Protein backbone atom coordinates (compact mmCIF):
# COMPACT_ATOMS: atom_id res chain seq x y z
CA MET A 1 60.82 -81.96 -40.42
CA SER A 2 60.90 -82.63 -36.54
CA ASN A 3 58.65 -80.90 -33.72
CA LEU A 4 59.84 -77.53 -32.08
CA PRO A 5 61.46 -78.82 -29.09
CA ILE A 6 60.47 -77.01 -25.95
CA ARG A 7 63.05 -78.39 -23.61
CA CYS A 8 66.75 -78.40 -23.61
CA PRO A 9 68.18 -81.81 -24.64
CA VAL A 10 71.09 -81.00 -22.22
CA CYS A 11 69.67 -79.16 -19.44
CA GLU A 12 66.04 -79.67 -19.90
CA GLY A 13 65.70 -76.24 -19.34
CA PRO A 14 62.95 -74.10 -21.49
CA MET A 15 63.76 -73.53 -25.13
CA ASN A 16 63.03 -70.04 -27.06
CA VAL A 17 63.18 -69.84 -30.63
CA LEU A 18 65.41 -67.00 -32.16
CA VAL A 19 64.93 -67.56 -36.07
CA TYR A 20 62.07 -68.60 -38.29
CA TYR A 21 62.64 -69.06 -42.16
CA CYS A 22 60.35 -69.45 -44.77
CA PRO A 23 61.89 -71.57 -47.51
CA GLU A 24 59.09 -70.66 -49.92
CA CYS A 25 59.83 -66.98 -50.21
CA ASP A 26 63.20 -66.92 -48.58
CA VAL A 27 62.09 -64.41 -45.57
CA THR A 28 63.91 -64.88 -42.24
CA VAL A 29 62.00 -63.49 -39.05
CA GLU A 30 64.00 -62.82 -36.04
CA GLY A 31 63.49 -62.31 -32.20
CA GLU A 32 62.81 -64.22 -29.29
CA PHE A 33 59.84 -66.52 -29.62
CA VAL A 34 58.26 -68.60 -26.75
CA PRO A 35 56.85 -71.88 -28.18
CA GLN A 36 53.47 -72.51 -26.71
CA ALA A 37 53.66 -75.46 -24.58
CA ASP A 38 52.08 -78.39 -26.19
CA PRO A 39 51.07 -81.13 -23.47
CA LEU A 40 51.43 -83.84 -26.31
CA GLN A 41 54.98 -82.90 -27.13
CA ARG A 42 55.84 -83.98 -23.23
CA LEU A 43 54.90 -87.75 -24.26
CA SER A 44 57.69 -90.17 -25.60
CA ASP A 45 56.70 -92.00 -28.81
CA GLU A 46 55.66 -95.01 -26.63
CA GLN A 47 53.45 -92.75 -24.90
CA ARG A 48 51.91 -91.29 -27.99
CA ASN A 49 51.37 -94.63 -29.42
CA PHE A 50 49.59 -95.94 -26.27
CA LEU A 51 47.24 -92.76 -26.43
CA LEU A 52 46.32 -93.50 -30.16
CA THR A 53 45.73 -97.16 -29.54
CA PHE A 54 43.62 -96.02 -26.43
CA VAL A 55 41.58 -93.89 -28.92
CA ALA A 56 41.23 -96.32 -31.51
CA CYS A 57 40.02 -99.00 -28.82
CA GLU A 58 37.42 -96.21 -27.87
CA GLY A 59 38.97 -96.18 -24.34
CA LYS A 60 38.28 -99.94 -23.78
CA LEU A 61 41.42 -101.53 -21.95
CA ASN A 62 39.93 -104.61 -22.45
CA ARG A 63 40.23 -104.21 -25.93
CA MET A 64 43.69 -103.02 -25.71
CA GLU A 65 44.58 -106.31 -23.83
CA LYS A 66 44.34 -108.02 -27.06
CA VAL A 67 46.35 -105.39 -28.53
CA TYR A 68 49.29 -105.35 -26.66
CA GLY A 69 49.01 -108.83 -25.06
CA LEU A 70 49.14 -106.96 -21.60
CA SER A 71 47.18 -107.50 -18.37
CA TYR A 72 44.57 -105.08 -17.49
CA PRO A 73 46.28 -103.91 -14.03
CA THR A 74 49.40 -103.08 -16.46
CA LEU A 75 47.41 -101.16 -19.00
CA ARG A 76 45.73 -99.18 -16.20
CA ASN A 77 49.21 -98.23 -14.78
CA ARG A 78 50.39 -96.86 -18.06
CA LEU A 79 47.35 -95.13 -18.52
CA MET A 80 47.98 -93.34 -15.20
CA GLU A 81 51.72 -92.63 -16.32
CA LEU A 82 50.07 -91.05 -19.36
CA ILE A 83 47.88 -88.93 -17.27
CA GLN A 84 50.78 -88.05 -15.20
CA ALA A 85 52.72 -87.06 -17.90
CA LEU A 86 49.85 -84.85 -19.22
CA ASP A 87 49.67 -83.07 -15.89
CA TYR A 88 46.36 -84.14 -15.42
CA THR A 89 44.67 -85.23 -12.06
CA PRO A 90 42.23 -87.88 -12.71
CA LYS A 91 38.87 -86.92 -10.83
CA HIS A 92 37.27 -89.73 -8.99
CA VAL A 93 33.31 -89.69 -9.28
């Protein structure tokens, strides 16, 4: 089963759900339901895999260099793209 789309695949507009169906008890609920925006749904498969690898490497890009075979600056750029895709603004301390 796939995730609930939050953006139209044709025009990128917001999607609303009109029908929910339970196959267990054959109940259908109709109406207009607006899905809650999950920021992780905005990520591509590649970005989600990067995020999971980042967590598995405890946030250490030098460990990710070995996993991906990419340079630190390249991984840093991918991390910044991921942060932007999630609509987060890094705060420099």
